[in-house]
């Protein structure tokens, strides 16, 4: 079973549409921030440090599925509960649940891959998930 982390978000006026409802892409932005916060909370060094020491650039997003249940508005504090739902050889599935108190507002699943740079180019290639990082997060 994966560890879990809670990332708190204060919703600001600028996060909302003219009706005062959080504009839907912000939920994806918060899940992306929660993904990094999850790894950091598990003790994984920052991506820049991992790139310098091990060549690992990070965990770019490959696929996302999001389900919206209830709206949020500015002045509210939300919590993004994040865990790794599934580990595969080169990808992981992160599950995010965005709550206001005990009320589920949104949930999403992200497929991410650990990647390194292709030498001599800007391209990235997936690599097997390092066992030490998997162990830190499990």
N, C-alpha and C. Protein backbone atom coordinates (compact mmCIF):
# COMPACT_ATOMS: atom_id res chain seq x y z
N UNK A 1 0.84 -1.18 0.00
CA UNK A 1 0.00 0.00 0.00
C UNK A 1 0.89 1.24 0.00
N UNK A 2 0.50 2.22 -0.77
CA UNK A 2 1.25 3.46 -0.90
C UNK A 2 1.01 4.38 0.28
N UNK A 3 2.00 5.21 0.56
CA UNK A 3 1.80 6.28 1.52
C UNK A 3 0.79 7.26 0.95
N UNK A 4 0.30 8.14 1.81
CA UNK A 4 -0.65 9.16 1.39
C UNK A 4 -0.15 10.50 1.89
N UNK A 5 -0.43 11.55 1.14
CA UNK A 5 -0.04 12.89 1.53
C UNK A 5 -1.23 13.82 1.32
N UNK A 6 -1.31 14.85 2.17
CA UNK A 6 -2.37 15.87 2.04
C UNK A 6 -1.71 17.19 1.69
N UNK A 7 -2.16 17.76 0.57
CA UNK A 7 -1.67 19.06 0.09
C UNK A 7 -2.83 20.05 0.21
N UNK A 8 -2.61 21.13 0.95
CA UNK A 8 -3.69 22.10 1.18
C UNK A 8 -3.65 23.22 0.15
N UNK A 9 -4.84 23.64 -0.27
CA UNK A 9 -5.00 24.69 -1.27
C UNK A 9 -5.97 25.74 -0.73
N UNK A 10 -5.53 26.99 -0.72
CA UNK A 10 -6.44 28.10 -0.43
C UNK A 10 -6.94 28.62 -1.77
N UNK A 11 -8.26 28.59 -1.96
CA UNK A 11 -8.85 29.03 -3.22
C UNK A 11 -8.94 30.55 -3.22
N UNK A 12 -8.39 31.16 -4.28
CA UNK A 12 -8.38 32.61 -4.42
C UNK A 12 -9.40 33.06 -5.47
N UNK A 13 -9.74 34.33 -5.43
CA UNK A 13 -10.68 34.91 -6.38
C UNK A 13 -10.26 34.62 -7.83
N UNK A 14 -8.95 34.73 -8.11
CA UNK A 14 -8.44 34.50 -9.45
C UNK A 14 -8.52 33.05 -9.92
N UNK A 15 -8.82 32.12 -9.03
CA UNK A 15 -8.99 30.71 -9.40
C UNK A 15 -10.38 30.43 -9.96
N UNK A 16 -11.26 31.45 -9.87
CA UNK A 16 -12.67 31.25 -10.19
C UNK A 16 -13.07 31.92 -11.50
N UNK A 17 -14.15 31.42 -12.08
CA UNK A 17 -14.73 32.04 -13.26
C UNK A 17 -15.64 33.19 -12.82
N UNK A 18 -16.27 33.92 -13.76
CA UNK A 18 -17.11 35.06 -13.37
C UNK A 18 -18.27 34.70 -12.44
N UNK A 19 -18.67 33.43 -12.41
CA UNK A 19 -19.76 33.01 -11.52
C UNK A 19 -19.25 32.72 -10.10
N UNK A 20 -17.92 32.82 -9.90
CA UNK A 20 -17.35 32.55 -8.58
C UNK A 20 -17.08 31.08 -8.32
N UNK A 21 -17.12 30.26 -9.37
CA UNK A 21 -16.87 28.83 -9.25
C UNK A 21 -15.46 28.54 -9.74
N UNK A 22 -14.73 27.69 -9.03
CA UNK A 22 -13.36 27.35 -9.45
C UNK A 22 -13.38 26.88 -10.89
N UNK A 23 -12.53 27.51 -11.72
CA UNK A 23 -12.39 27.15 -13.13
C UNK A 23 -11.74 25.77 -13.19
N UNK A 24 -12.35 24.84 -13.91
CA UNK A 24 -11.99 23.42 -13.84
C UNK A 24 -10.51 23.11 -14.05
N UNK A 25 -9.74 23.82 -14.92
CA UNK A 25 -8.33 23.45 -15.05
C UNK A 25 -7.52 23.63 -13.77
N UNK A 26 -8.02 24.45 -12.84
CA UNK A 26 -7.29 24.64 -11.59
C UNK A 26 -7.23 23.35 -10.77
N UNK A 27 -8.25 22.51 -10.89
CA UNK A 27 -8.21 21.23 -10.19
C UNK A 27 -7.03 20.39 -10.70
N UNK A 28 -6.78 20.42 -12.01
CA UNK A 28 -5.64 19.70 -12.58
C UNK A 28 -4.33 20.30 -12.11
N UNK A 29 -4.27 21.62 -12.05
CA UNK A 29 -3.06 22.30 -11.56
C UNK A 29 -2.77 21.89 -10.13
N UNK A 30 -3.81 21.84 -9.28
CA UNK A 30 -3.62 21.46 -7.88
C UNK A 30 -3.21 19.99 -7.74
N UNK A 31 -3.77 19.13 -8.60
CA UNK A 31 -3.36 17.72 -8.55
C UNK A 31 -1.90 17.58 -8.96
N UNK A 32 -1.46 18.36 -9.95
CA UNK A 32 -0.07 18.32 -10.37
C UNK A 32 0.85 18.79 -9.23
N UNK A 33 0.46 19.86 -8.55
CA UNK A 33 1.23 20.34 -7.40
C UNK A 33 1.25 19.29 -6.29
N UNK A 34 0.12 18.63 -6.08
CA UNK A 34 0.02 17.60 -5.05
C UNK A 34 0.90 16.39 -5.39
N UNK A 35 1.07 16.11 -6.68
CA UNK A 35 1.93 15.01 -7.10
C UNK A 35 3.36 15.26 -6.64
N UNK A 36 3.88 16.44 -6.92
CA UNK A 36 5.23 16.78 -6.48
C UNK A 36 5.32 16.78 -4.95
N UNK A 37 4.32 17.36 -4.30
CA UNK A 37 4.31 17.40 -2.83
C UNK A 37 4.34 15.99 -2.24
N UNK A 38 3.65 15.05 -2.89
CA UNK A 38 3.65 13.65 -2.44
C UNK A 38 5.07 13.10 -2.43
N UNK A 39 5.78 13.24 -3.56
CA UNK A 39 7.13 12.70 -3.64
C UNK A 39 8.06 13.36 -2.63
N UNK A 40 7.95 14.67 -2.47
CA UNK A 40 8.79 15.39 -1.52
C UNK A 40 8.50 14.91 -0.09
N UNK A 41 7.22 14.72 0.25
CA UNK A 41 6.84 14.26 1.59
C UNK A 41 7.36 12.84 1.86
N UNK A 42 7.53 12.06 0.80
CA UNK A 42 8.06 10.70 0.95
C UNK A 42 9.58 10.67 1.05
N UNK A 43 10.21 11.83 0.91
CA UNK A 43 11.66 11.90 1.02
C UNK A 43 12.41 11.84 -0.28
N UNK A 44 11.69 11.90 -1.41
CA UNK A 44 12.34 11.91 -2.72
C UNK A 44 12.95 13.30 -2.91
N UNK A 45 14.22 13.39 -3.29
CA UNK A 45 14.83 14.70 -3.50
C UNK A 45 14.13 15.48 -4.62
N UNK A 46 14.29 16.81 -4.64
CA UNK A 46 13.70 17.61 -5.73
C UNK A 46 14.19 17.11 -7.09
N UNK A 47 13.35 17.26 -8.11
CA UNK A 47 13.68 16.75 -9.44
C UNK A 47 14.99 17.31 -9.95
N UNK A 48 15.26 18.60 -9.73
CA UNK A 48 16.53 19.18 -10.21
C UNK A 48 17.73 18.47 -9.61
N UNK A 49 17.62 18.13 -8.32
CA UNK A 49 18.71 17.40 -7.66
C UNK A 49 18.84 15.99 -8.24
N UNK A 50 17.70 15.32 -8.46
CA UNK A 50 17.75 13.97 -9.04
C UNK A 50 18.29 13.99 -10.46
N UNK A 51 17.98 15.05 -11.20
CA UNK A 51 18.53 15.12 -12.56
C UNK A 51 20.05 15.29 -12.51
N UNK A 52 20.52 16.13 -11.59
CA UNK A 52 21.96 16.36 -11.48
C UNK A 52 22.71 15.12 -10.99
N UNK A 53 22.09 14.36 -10.09
CA UNK A 53 22.80 13.22 -9.49
C UNK A 53 22.53 11.88 -10.18
N UNK A 54 21.30 11.73 -10.74
CA UNK A 54 20.94 10.41 -11.29
C UNK A 54 20.37 10.48 -12.70
N UNK A 55 20.20 11.69 -13.23
CA UNK A 55 19.67 11.83 -14.58
C UNK A 55 18.15 11.74 -14.67
N UNK A 56 17.46 11.63 -13.53
CA UNK A 56 16.00 11.53 -13.54
C UNK A 56 15.41 12.94 -13.59
N UNK A 57 14.68 13.23 -14.67
CA UNK A 57 14.12 14.56 -14.88
C UNK A 57 12.87 14.79 -14.04
N UNK A 58 12.07 13.75 -13.85
CA UNK A 58 10.83 13.88 -13.08
C UNK A 58 9.82 12.85 -13.52
N UNK A 59 8.55 13.18 -13.28
CA UNK A 59 7.46 12.27 -13.62
C UNK A 59 6.40 13.01 -14.44
N UNK A 60 6.66 13.22 -15.72
CA UNK A 60 5.66 13.92 -16.53
C UNK A 60 4.35 13.14 -16.63
N UNK A 61 3.31 13.90 -16.85
CA UNK A 61 1.97 13.36 -16.96
C UNK A 61 1.76 12.74 -18.34
N UNK A 62 1.24 11.52 -18.37
CA UNK A 62 0.94 10.83 -19.63
C UNK A 62 -0.56 10.81 -19.91
N UNK A 63 -1.35 10.72 -18.85
CA UNK A 63 -2.80 10.60 -19.00
C UNK A 63 -3.46 11.06 -17.71
N UNK A 64 -4.66 11.65 -17.85
CA UNK A 64 -5.40 12.08 -16.66
C UNK A 64 -6.88 11.81 -16.87
N UNK A 65 -7.52 11.35 -15.81
CA UNK A 65 -8.98 11.16 -15.79
C UNK A 65 -9.49 11.90 -14.57
N UNK A 66 -10.45 12.77 -14.77
CA UNK A 66 -10.96 13.60 -13.68
C UNK A 66 -12.47 13.51 -13.62
N UNK A 67 -12.98 13.44 -12.40
CA UNK A 67 -14.43 13.40 -12.16
C UNK A 67 -14.76 14.54 -11.20
N UNK A 68 -15.65 15.42 -11.65
CA UNK A 68 -16.07 16.57 -10.85
C UNK A 68 -17.43 16.27 -10.22
N UNK A 69 -17.51 16.49 -8.90
CA UNK A 69 -18.74 16.17 -8.18
C UNK A 69 -19.45 17.40 -7.63
N UNK A 70 -18.68 18.35 -7.09
CA UNK A 70 -19.25 19.54 -6.48
C UNK A 70 -18.35 20.73 -6.75
N UNK A 71 -18.91 21.93 -6.79
CA UNK A 71 -18.09 23.12 -7.04
C UNK A 71 -17.39 23.62 -5.77
N UNK A 72 -16.39 24.47 -5.99
CA UNK A 72 -15.72 25.19 -4.90
C UNK A 72 -15.67 26.66 -5.30
N UNK A 73 -15.41 27.52 -4.33
CA UNK A 73 -15.33 28.95 -4.60
C UNK A 73 -14.22 29.58 -3.76
N UNK A 74 -13.95 30.85 -4.03
CA UNK A 74 -12.86 31.53 -3.32
C UNK A 74 -13.18 31.68 -1.84
N UNK A 75 -12.09 31.72 -1.06
CA UNK A 75 -12.22 31.80 0.39
C UNK A 75 -12.27 30.44 1.07
N UNK A 76 -12.32 29.38 0.29
CA UNK A 76 -12.37 28.03 0.87
C UNK A 76 -10.97 27.42 0.90
N UNK A 77 -10.76 26.51 1.82
CA UNK A 77 -9.53 25.73 1.87
C UNK A 77 -9.87 24.30 1.50
N UNK A 78 -9.14 23.78 0.53
CA UNK A 78 -9.35 22.42 0.05
C UNK A 78 -8.14 21.57 0.41
N UNK A 79 -8.33 20.28 0.45
CA UNK A 79 -7.25 19.34 0.68
C UNK A 79 -7.20 18.35 -0.48
N UNK A 80 -6.00 18.16 -1.02
CA UNK A 80 -5.79 17.16 -2.07
C UNK A 80 -5.08 15.98 -1.42
N UNK A 81 -5.80 14.87 -1.32
CA UNK A 81 -5.25 13.64 -0.73
C UNK A 81 -4.68 12.80 -1.88
N UNK A 82 -3.40 12.50 -1.80
CA UNK A 82 -2.70 11.85 -2.91
C UNK A 82 -2.01 10.57 -2.45
N UNK A 83 -2.14 9.54 -3.26
CA UNK A 83 -1.40 8.29 -3.03
C UNK A 83 -1.09 7.67 -4.39
N UNK A 84 -0.20 6.69 -4.39
CA UNK A 84 0.04 5.91 -5.61
C UNK A 84 -0.87 4.70 -5.53
N UNK A 85 -1.76 4.62 -6.48
CA UNK A 85 -2.73 3.53 -6.53
C UNK A 85 -2.13 2.26 -7.14
N UNK A 86 -1.20 2.45 -8.08
CA UNK A 86 -0.62 1.29 -8.76
C UNK A 86 0.79 1.62 -9.24
N UNK A 87 1.70 0.70 -9.01
CA UNK A 87 3.06 0.80 -9.53
C UNK A 87 3.21 -0.21 -10.66
N UNK A 88 3.69 0.25 -11.79
CA UNK A 88 4.03 -0.65 -12.89
C UNK A 88 5.53 -0.55 -13.12
N UNK A 89 6.03 -1.19 -14.14
CA UNK A 89 7.48 -1.18 -14.39
C UNK A 89 8.00 0.23 -14.66
N UNK A 90 7.34 0.96 -15.58
CA UNK A 90 7.81 2.29 -15.95
C UNK A 90 6.84 3.40 -15.63
N UNK A 91 5.61 3.08 -15.23
CA UNK A 91 4.63 4.12 -14.92
C UNK A 91 3.98 3.84 -13.58
N UNK A 92 3.38 4.89 -13.05
CA UNK A 92 2.62 4.79 -11.81
C UNK A 92 1.29 5.50 -12.01
N UNK A 93 0.31 5.07 -11.24
CA UNK A 93 -1.01 5.71 -11.26
C UNK A 93 -1.18 6.40 -9.92
N UNK A 94 -1.30 7.73 -9.95
CA UNK A 94 -1.57 8.47 -8.71
C UNK A 94 -3.05 8.78 -8.64
N UNK A 95 -3.59 8.63 -7.44
CA UNK A 95 -5.00 8.93 -7.18
C UNK A 95 -5.07 10.15 -6.30
N UNK A 96 -5.84 11.13 -6.74
CA UNK A 96 -6.03 12.38 -5.99
C UNK A 96 -7.51 12.52 -5.64
N UNK A 97 -7.78 12.86 -4.39
CA UNK A 97 -9.14 13.16 -3.94
C UNK A 97 -9.12 14.57 -3.37
N UNK A 98 -9.90 15.47 -3.97
CA UNK A 98 -9.95 16.86 -3.51
C UNK A 98 -11.19 17.02 -2.64
N UNK A 99 -10.93 17.39 -1.37
CA UNK A 99 -12.01 17.49 -0.38
C UNK A 99 -12.11 18.90 0.20
N UNK A 100 -13.33 19.25 0.57
CA UNK A 100 -13.61 20.43 1.39
C UNK A 100 -14.21 19.87 2.66
N UNK A 101 -13.38 19.80 3.71
CA UNK A 101 -13.81 19.08 4.90
C UNK A 101 -13.92 17.60 4.55
N UNK A 102 -15.09 17.01 4.82
CA UNK A 102 -15.32 15.60 4.49
C UNK A 102 -16.01 15.42 3.14
N UNK A 103 -16.28 16.52 2.45
CA UNK A 103 -17.04 16.48 1.20
C UNK A 103 -16.11 16.33 0.00
N UNK A 104 -16.30 15.25 -0.77
CA UNK A 104 -15.50 15.01 -1.97
C UNK A 104 -16.00 15.92 -3.10
N UNK A 105 -15.10 16.76 -3.62
CA UNK A 105 -15.45 17.68 -4.71
C UNK A 105 -15.02 17.15 -6.07
N UNK A 106 -13.86 16.50 -6.08
CA UNK A 106 -13.27 16.09 -7.35
C UNK A 106 -12.30 14.95 -7.06
N UNK A 107 -12.17 14.05 -8.00
CA UNK A 107 -11.12 13.05 -7.90
C UNK A 107 -10.50 12.83 -9.26
N UNK A 108 -9.22 12.50 -9.24
CA UNK A 108 -8.52 12.29 -10.50
C UNK A 108 -7.48 11.21 -10.38
N UNK A 109 -7.21 10.60 -11.52
CA UNK A 109 -6.15 9.61 -11.61
C UNK A 109 -5.20 10.07 -12.69
N UNK A 110 -3.93 10.07 -12.34
CA UNK A 110 -2.90 10.49 -13.28
C UNK A 110 -1.95 9.32 -13.54
N UNK A 111 -1.63 9.11 -14.81
CA UNK A 111 -0.60 8.16 -15.18
C UNK A 111 0.66 8.96 -15.44
N UNK A 112 1.73 8.62 -14.73
CA UNK A 112 3.00 9.33 -14.82
C UNK A 112 4.12 8.33 -15.07
N UNK A 113 5.18 8.81 -15.71
CA UNK A 113 6.36 7.97 -15.96
C UNK A 113 7.60 8.67 -15.42
N UNK A 114 8.54 7.88 -14.91
CA UNK A 114 9.85 8.42 -14.57
C UNK A 114 10.63 8.51 -15.89
N UNK A 115 11.30 9.65 -16.08
CA UNK A 115 11.99 9.87 -17.36
C UNK A 115 13.39 10.44 -17.16
N UNK A 116 14.20 10.24 -18.21
CA UNK A 116 15.51 10.86 -18.30
C UNK A 116 15.63 11.45 -19.70
N UNK A 117 16.61 12.32 -19.89
CA UNK A 117 16.82 12.94 -21.20
C UNK A 117 17.54 11.97 -22.14
N UNK A 118 17.18 12.02 -23.41
CA UNK A 118 17.92 11.29 -24.44
C UNK A 118 19.20 12.10 -24.66
N UNK A 119 20.37 11.48 -24.52
CA UNK A 119 21.62 12.23 -24.68
C UNK A 119 21.67 13.00 -26.00
N UNK A 120 22.09 14.26 -25.91
CA UNK A 120 22.24 15.10 -27.09
C UNK A 120 20.95 15.65 -27.66
N UNK A 121 19.82 15.54 -26.91
CA UNK A 121 18.55 16.07 -27.43
C UNK A 121 17.71 16.59 -26.27
N UNK A 122 16.59 17.18 -26.62
CA UNK A 122 15.63 17.63 -25.61
C UNK A 122 14.58 16.57 -25.32
N UNK A 123 14.63 15.47 -26.05
CA UNK A 123 13.64 14.42 -25.88
C UNK A 123 13.82 13.72 -24.55
N UNK A 124 12.72 13.13 -24.09
CA UNK A 124 12.72 12.37 -22.85
C UNK A 124 12.36 10.92 -23.16
N UNK A 125 12.88 10.02 -22.33
CA UNK A 125 12.49 8.61 -22.48
C UNK A 125 12.17 8.06 -21.10
N UNK A 126 11.19 7.16 -21.07
CA UNK A 126 10.81 6.55 -19.80
C UNK A 126 11.88 5.56 -19.36
N UNK A 127 11.98 5.42 -18.04
CA UNK A 127 12.93 4.48 -17.46
C UNK A 127 12.18 3.63 -16.43
N UNK A 128 12.71 2.48 -16.08
CA UNK A 128 12.07 1.71 -15.00
C UNK A 128 12.06 2.54 -13.72
N UNK A 129 10.98 2.43 -12.96
CA UNK A 129 10.87 3.17 -11.70
C UNK A 129 11.95 2.67 -10.76
N UNK A 130 12.80 3.58 -10.27
CA UNK A 130 13.86 3.15 -9.35
C UNK A 130 13.28 2.51 -8.09
N UNK A 131 13.83 1.36 -7.72
CA UNK A 131 13.31 0.61 -6.57
C UNK A 131 13.41 1.40 -5.27
N UNK A 132 14.47 2.21 -5.11
CA UNK A 132 14.60 2.99 -3.87
C UNK A 132 13.51 4.04 -3.76
N UNK A 133 13.14 4.64 -4.88
CA UNK A 133 12.06 5.65 -4.85
C UNK A 133 10.72 4.97 -4.59
N UNK A 134 10.49 3.85 -5.24
CA UNK A 134 9.26 3.09 -4.97
C UNK A 134 9.17 2.73 -3.50
N UNK A 135 10.26 2.29 -2.91
CA UNK A 135 10.28 1.91 -1.49
C UNK A 135 9.98 3.12 -0.60
N UNK A 136 10.52 4.29 -0.93
CA UNK A 136 10.26 5.50 -0.14
C UNK A 136 8.78 5.85 -0.12
N UNK A 137 8.09 5.56 -1.22
CA UNK A 137 6.70 5.99 -1.41
C UNK A 137 5.69 4.91 -1.05
N UNK A 138 6.14 3.73 -0.67
CA UNK A 138 5.22 2.63 -0.37
C UNK A 138 5.07 2.42 1.11
